[in-house]
Amino acid sequence: MKNKFSIILFVMAFLSGFWFACDKIDEPLTLTEHTEYPVINEDTNDVFFTDSVMITEKQVLLEDFTGHRCVNCPEAAFLAHEMALEYDHKLIIYAVHVGQLAEPLPGTIFSTDFRNETGTNLYNDFNLSSLGVPIGLINRQEFSGFLPLPSFIWEQAVSNEFDKPVQAKMKLKTKYFPEEGIVVVSTESEFTETLEGNYKLVVYLAEDSINAPQLNNNPEIGPDTLYNYYHRNVLRKALNTTYGEFLTPSGQVEPGIVYKKDYTFLPDQNWQLKNCRIIAYIGKQDEVFNLTEIVQVAEVGIKTN
């Protein structure tokens, strides 16, 4: 038998403030429970790799809107990942390349197109075009009366979110089937208290450590053009649409019930699957912005060998 191997309108009065990405930062996930192992399906003899994580502590989502021709964006990304280290990797980050400064320039070193439909939807729906990048959404919660936030107040907003109680637990699991080339994502969501409103699960895929040029204006990071720059956790696609799907037919949830949903997808051959991450989060339906008030987020890798 052939062997198979398992696996976001802010007044820009602050633009003169401090804007804070990085060359590559090694950030292994720190998780409440994390297992990875090859598995043999007893029914089909298929061999696949699986990775899983269970989140019972408070985690926070930072959506970093950026562009590879944005000179202020490396500082913002650097700040974000430094905060992730400070919070023991319970701050989950993905980068969303949007707007004019994310447009590729064919025939130049900035020919890579990191944009996608999901990121464009977020950019338009949260009215980010008049704000520019870098700009961020932190748990899609307002802070000091604003929803999109410039990077120099990310630290205060993140701290404010971590001061809030845990409202849900999550479990993520990935299975990679090499011969079929497919990935199966299994999710479990459980609320720890009664919440008003309707809640959705969103599942995204991000690719980490993509080496491509980036403009920069911080000499402490490097020269004006960072030729050997690692773009961190770049949003690639949504597995269940930009704003996900309701956890229940009505969207209403109850504490103590485990809500399960599974997704199967075929990865793009241009992605380095071993560097890809599944990021899932639970948010509240919003009449204006579709989905806000993220209550929990989890991230897990995809094992390929």
Protein backbone atom coordinates (compact mmCIF):
# COMPACT_ATOMS: atom_id res chain seq x y z
CA MET A 1 0.00 0.00 0.00
CA LYS A 2 1.28 3.43 -0.92
CA ASN A 3 2.15 5.32 2.25
CA LYS A 4 0.24 8.53 3.05
CA PHE A 5 1.43 11.01 5.57
CA SER A 6 -0.72 12.62 7.94
CA ILE A 7 -1.26 16.97 8.94
CA ILE A 8 -10.85 46.16 10.01
CA LEU A 9 -14.25 55.90 10.65
CA PHE A 10 -11.26 56.99 12.62
CA VAL A 11 -10.32 60.72 12.56
CA MET A 12 -6.72 60.68 11.58
CA ALA A 13 -5.62 63.39 13.97
CA PHE A 14 -3.19 60.84 15.32
CA LEU A 15 -1.31 60.28 12.07
CA SER A 16 1.68 62.12 13.44
CA GLY A 17 1.87 59.65 16.31
CA PHE A 18 3.97 56.60 16.56
CA TRP A 19 3.37 53.83 14.01
CA PHE A 20 4.78 50.55 14.72
CA ALA A 21 6.47 44.49 11.56
CA CYS A 22 9.29 42.81 11.55
CA ASP A 23 11.75 40.59 10.07
CA LYS A 24 10.96 37.07 10.98
CA ILE A 25 9.94 36.45 14.60
CA ASP A 26 9.70 32.87 15.73
CA GLU A 27 6.34 32.53 17.49
CA PRO A 28 5.40 28.98 18.37
CA LEU A 29 1.85 28.73 19.62
CA THR A 30 1.38 28.54 23.37
CA LEU A 31 -1.78 26.64 24.00
CA THR A 32 -3.88 25.20 26.77
CA GLU A 33 -3.89 21.84 25.05
CA HIS A 34 -2.00 20.98 21.90
CA THR A 35 -1.61 17.60 20.25
CA GLU A 36 -0.11 16.49 16.98
CA TYR A 37 0.43 12.98 15.75
CA PRO A 38 0.11 10.75 12.70
CA VAL A 39 -3.16 8.84 12.59
CA ILE A 40 -4.26 5.75 10.73
CA ASN A 41 -7.93 5.65 9.77
CA GLU A 42 -8.94 2.13 10.71
CA ASP A 43 -11.74 2.08 8.11
CA THR A 44 -9.72 3.16 5.06
CA ASN A 45 -6.10 2.64 6.16
CA ASP A 46 -5.50 6.29 5.24
CA VAL A 47 -2.57 7.88 7.01
CA PHE A 48 -2.85 11.60 7.79
CA PHE A 49 -1.39 14.17 10.14
CA THR A 50 -3.51 16.03 12.63
CA ASP A 51 -2.95 19.10 14.77
CA SER A 52 -5.34 20.31 17.44
CA VAL A 53 -5.75 22.97 20.09
CA MET A 54 -8.19 23.60 22.92
CA ILE A 55 -8.61 27.19 24.14
CA THR A 56 -10.09 27.76 27.58
CA GLU A 57 -8.36 31.05 28.45
CA LYS A 58 -9.03 34.55 27.11
CA GLN A 59 -7.58 35.19 23.66
CA VAL A 60 -7.80 38.39 21.59
CA LEU A 61 -7.88 38.99 17.83
CA LEU A 62 -5.88 41.77 16.13
CA GLU A 63 -6.60 42.35 12.44
CA ASP A 64 -3.66 44.30 11.01
CA PHE A 65 -4.59 46.10 7.77
CA THR A 66 -1.40 46.70 5.85
CA GLY A 67 0.32 46.91 2.47
CA HIS A 68 3.73 45.95 1.13
CA ARG A 69 4.32 49.53 -0.14
CA CYS A 70 3.27 51.12 3.18
CA VAL A 71 6.38 52.57 4.83
CA ASN A 72 4.77 52.73 8.31
CA CYS A 73 3.48 49.17 8.27
CA PRO A 74 6.61 47.31 9.38
CA GLU A 75 6.60 49.21 12.70
CA ALA A 76 2.94 48.35 13.26
CA ALA A 77 3.52 44.68 12.57
CA PHE A 78 6.59 44.66 14.81
CA LEU A 79 4.50 46.13 17.64
CA ALA A 80 1.74 43.58 17.10
CA HIS A 81 4.07 40.60 17.31
CA GLU A 82 5.91 42.03 20.30
CA MET A 83 2.53 42.22 22.05
CA ALA A 84 1.86 38.61 21.10
CA LEU A 85 5.05 37.64 22.89
CA GLU A 86 4.06 39.75 25.90
CA TYR A 87 0.69 38.00 26.10
CA ASP A 88 2.16 34.54 25.72
CA HIS A 89 0.76 34.21 22.17
CA LYS A 90 -2.81 34.62 23.34
CA LEU A 91 -2.99 37.64 21.02
CA ILE A 92 -3.86 36.18 17.61
CA ILE A 93 -2.85 38.27 14.58
CA TYR A 94 -3.40 38.15 10.88
CA ALA A 95 -2.32 40.70 8.28
CA VAL A 96 -4.81 41.96 5.70
CA HIS A 97 -3.23 43.53 2.61
CA VAL A 98 -5.66 46.17 1.32
CA GLY A 99 -5.93 49.49 -0.45
CA GLN A 100 -3.67 51.32 -2.87
CA LEU A 101 -0.46 50.50 -1.00
CA ALA A 102 -1.21 46.78 -1.34
CA GLU A 103 -1.62 46.92 -5.09
CA PRO A 104 1.07 45.01 -6.97
CA LEU A 105 3.36 46.79 -9.42
CA PRO A 106 4.02 44.38 -12.28
CA GLY A 107 7.58 44.35 -13.49
CA THR A 108 8.97 45.55 -10.15
CA ILE A 109 10.01 43.87 -6.93
CA PHE A 110 6.50 44.65 -5.62
CA SER A 111 4.73 42.39 -8.09
CA THR A 112 3.31 40.06 -5.40
CA ASP A 113 -0.43 40.39 -4.87
CA PHE A 114 -1.39 39.59 -1.29
CA ARG A 115 -4.95 40.90 -1.69
CA ASN A 116 -8.03 38.68 -1.69
CA GLU A 117 -11.81 38.96 -1.70
CA THR A 118 -12.14 38.47 2.04
CA GLY A 119 -9.71 41.27 2.87
CA THR A 120 -11.33 43.60 0.37
CA ASN A 121 -14.74 42.94 1.93
CA LEU A 122 -13.42 43.83 5.38
CA TYR A 123 -11.67 46.95 4.04
CA ASN A 124 -14.85 48.21 2.37
CA ASP A 125 -17.38 47.19 5.01
CA PHE A 126 -15.43 48.79 7.88
CA ASN A 127 -14.92 52.01 5.83
CA LEU A 128 -11.14 51.84 5.98
CA SER A 129 -10.40 53.43 2.60
CA SER A 130 -10.39 56.98 4.07
CA LEU A 131 -8.10 56.00 6.92
CA GLY A 132 -5.12 54.45 5.23
CA VAL A 133 -2.83 51.79 6.60
CA PRO A 134 -1.63 50.67 9.03
CA ILE A 135 -4.91 50.48 10.88
CA GLY A 136 -6.31 47.74 13.08
CA LEU A 137 -9.37 46.08 14.52
CA ILE A 138 -9.02 44.60 17.97
CA ASN A 139 -11.74 42.09 18.72
CA ARG A 140 -13.84 44.42 16.52
CA GLN A 141 -14.63 46.35 19.67
CA GLU A 142 -14.75 50.12 20.06
CA PHE A 143 -12.01 51.69 22.15
CA SER A 144 -12.25 55.36 23.27
CA GLY A 145 -15.20 55.72 20.92
CA PHE A 146 -13.48 54.38 17.83
CA LEU A 147 -13.59 51.04 16.05
CA PRO A 148 -10.66 51.11 13.60
CA LEU A 149 -7.56 51.95 15.63
CA PRO A 150 -4.14 53.36 14.69
CA SER A 151 -1.23 51.31 15.92
CA PHE A 152 -0.11 53.72 18.66
CA ILE A 153 -3.20 52.85 20.73
CA TRP A 154 -3.21 49.13 20.01
CA GLU A 155 -1.50 48.34 23.29
CA GLN A 156 -4.19 50.06 25.39
CA ALA A 157 -7.00 48.48 23.40
CA VAL A 158 -5.49 44.99 23.63
CA SER A 159 -4.99 45.34 27.38
CA ASN A 160 -8.61 46.43 27.72
CA GLU A 161 -9.79 43.30 25.90
CA PHE A 162 -7.68 40.97 28.02
CA ASP A 163 -9.28 42.47 31.14
CA LYS A 164 -12.63 41.08 30.03
CA PRO A 165 -13.87 37.65 31.19
CA VAL A 166 -13.73 34.46 29.15
CA GLN A 167 -17.08 34.01 27.43
CA ALA A 168 -16.41 30.98 25.27
CA LYS A 169 -14.08 28.03 24.81
CA MET A 170 -12.96 26.69 21.45
CA LYS A 171 -11.35 23.62 20.00
CA LEU A 172 -9.79 23.42 16.55
CA LYS A 173 -8.44 20.40 14.74
CA THR A 174 -6.87 20.05 11.31
CA LYS A 175 -6.31 16.91 9.27
CA TYR A 176 -4.17 16.92 6.15
CA PHE A 177 -4.49 14.09 3.62
CA PRO A 178 -1.43 14.30 1.35
CA GLU A 179 -2.57 11.97 -1.41
CA GLU A 180 -5.95 13.68 -1.82
CA GLY A 181 -4.37 17.08 -1.11
CA ILE A 182 -7.22 18.16 1.13
CA VAL A 183 -7.45 19.66 4.62
CA VAL A 184 -10.32 19.01 7.00
CA VAL A 185 -10.96 21.57 9.76
CA SER A 186 -13.09 20.59 12.74
CA THR A 187 -14.36 23.19 15.21
CA GLU A 188 -16.06 23.07 18.58
CA SER A 189 -17.45 26.16 20.33
CA GLU A 190 -18.87 26.31 23.85
CA PHE A 191 -20.10 29.42 25.65
CA THR A 192 -19.41 29.85 29.34
CA GLU A 193 -22.16 32.39 30.02
CA THR A 194 -25.46 33.56 28.57
CA LEU A 195 -24.99 36.13 25.82
CA GLU A 196 -27.60 38.25 24.09
CA GLY A 197 -27.64 38.44 20.31
CA ASN A 198 -26.82 36.12 17.44
CA TYR A 199 -23.38 34.60 17.08
CA LYS A 200 -21.37 33.36 14.13
CA LEU A 201 -18.27 31.28 13.64
CA VAL A 202 -15.69 32.57 11.15
CA VAL A 203 -12.86 30.40 9.86
CA TYR A 204 -9.93 31.94 7.94
CA LEU A 205 -6.68 30.62 6.56
CA ALA A 206 -3.48 32.67 6.89
CA GLU A 207 0.00 31.93 5.58
CA ASP A 208 3.00 32.81 7.71
CA SER A 209 6.58 33.78 6.82
CA ILE A 210 6.14 34.82 3.19
CA ASN A 211 9.43 36.27 1.99
CA ALA A 212 8.81 39.32 -0.24
CA PRO A 213 9.99 42.98 -0.33
CA GLN A 214 8.44 45.62 1.94
CA LEU A 215 8.88 49.41 2.09
CA ASN A 216 9.97 50.81 5.44
CA ASN A 217 10.79 54.16 7.13
CA ASN A 218 12.20 52.95 10.45
CA PRO A 219 16.00 52.65 10.36
CA GLU A 220 15.91 50.50 13.48
CA ILE A 221 14.13 47.85 11.41
CA GLY A 222 16.26 48.25 8.32
CA PRO A 223 16.71 50.18 5.08
CA ASP A 224 13.99 51.95 3.10
CA THR A 225 13.36 48.76 1.13
CA LEU A 226 13.42 45.50 3.03
CA TYR A 227 14.24 43.00 0.33
CA ASN A 228 14.36 39.97 2.60
CA TYR A 229 11.21 40.65 4.62
CA TYR A 230 9.00 38.01 6.19
CA HIS A 231 5.30 38.87 5.98
CA ARG A 232 3.59 37.32 8.99
CA ASN A 233 0.23 35.49 9.00
CA VAL A 234 -1.04 36.91 5.72
CA LEU A 235 -4.78 36.40 5.29
CA ARG A 236 -5.36 34.11 2.32
CA LYS A 237 -9.03 33.17 2.34
CA ALA A 238 -12.20 32.54 4.33
CA LEU A 239 -13.34 28.96 4.58
CA ASN A 240 -16.94 29.89 5.38
CA THR A 241 -17.37 33.38 3.81
CA THR A 242 -16.07 36.72 5.11
CA TYR A 243 -18.52 36.85 8.03
CA GLY A 244 -18.92 33.15 8.66
CA GLU A 245 -22.07 31.30 9.54
CA PHE A 246 -24.43 31.15 12.49
CA LEU A 247 -23.58 28.57 15.12
CA THR A 248 -27.27 27.66 15.29
CA PRO A 249 -30.14 28.16 12.83
CA SER A 250 -31.37 31.15 14.86
CA GLY A 251 -27.90 32.39 15.80
CA GLN A 252 -28.82 32.29 19.48
CA VAL A 253 -26.54 30.27 21.74
CA GLU A 254 -26.67 28.77 25.20
CA PRO A 255 -23.89 28.11 27.71
CA GLY A 256 -22.73 24.53 28.21
CA ILE A 257 -23.63 23.31 24.71
CA VAL A 258 -20.87 22.32 22.30
CA TYR A 259 -21.50 23.61 18.78
CA LYS A 260 -19.61 21.65 16.12
CA LYS A 261 -18.83 22.57 12.51
CA ASP A 262 -16.47 21.00 9.99
CA TYR A 263 -14.94 22.34 6.77
CA THR A 264 -12.98 20.73 3.94
CA PHE A 265 -10.86 22.67 1.45
CA LEU A 266 -8.25 22.19 -1.24
CA PRO A 267 -5.21 24.41 -0.59
CA ASP A 268 -3.81 26.63 -3.32
CA GLN A 269 -0.66 25.08 -4.73
CA ASN A 270 1.14 28.43 -4.42
CA TRP A 271 0.81 28.37 -0.64
CA GLN A 272 3.39 26.80 1.63
CA LEU A 273 0.94 24.62 3.51
CA LYS A 274 3.39 23.88 6.31
CA ASN A 275 3.37 27.64 7.10
CA CYS A 276 -0.41 27.98 6.99
CA ARG A 277 -2.62 28.60 10.02
CA ILE A 278 -6.31 28.15 10.61
CA ILE A 279 -7.72 31.09 12.60
CA ALA A 280 -11.29 30.74 13.86
CA TYR A 281 -13.26 33.20 15.92
CA ILE A 282 -16.74 33.75 17.33
CA GLY A 283 -18.43 37.13 16.88
CA LYS A 284 -21.78 38.82 17.24
CA GLN A 285 -23.92 39.72 14.25
CA ASP A 286 -24.04 43.48 13.71
CA GLU A 287 -26.52 45.39 11.54
CA VAL A 288 -23.89 47.91 10.42
CA PHE A 289 -20.59 46.02 10.29
CA ASN A 290 -21.91 42.47 9.83
CA LEU A 291 -19.84 40.97 12.63
CA THR A 292 -18.33 42.62 15.73
CA GLU A 293 -17.63 41.88 19.40
CA ILE A 294 -15.32 38.91 19.03
CA VAL A 295 -15.66 36.79 22.15
CA GLN A 296 -13.02 34.15 21.45
CA VAL A 297 -10.40 33.27 18.86
CA ALA A 298 -8.20 30.24 18.28
CA GLU A 299 -5.36 29.36 15.93
CA VAL A 300 -3.90 26.03 14.88
CA GLY A 301 -1.36 24.90 12.32
CA ILE A 302 -1.54 22.32 9.56
CA LYS A 303 0.91 19.45 9.90
CA THR A 304 2.22 18.21 6.57
CA ASN A 305 4.64 15.44 7.57
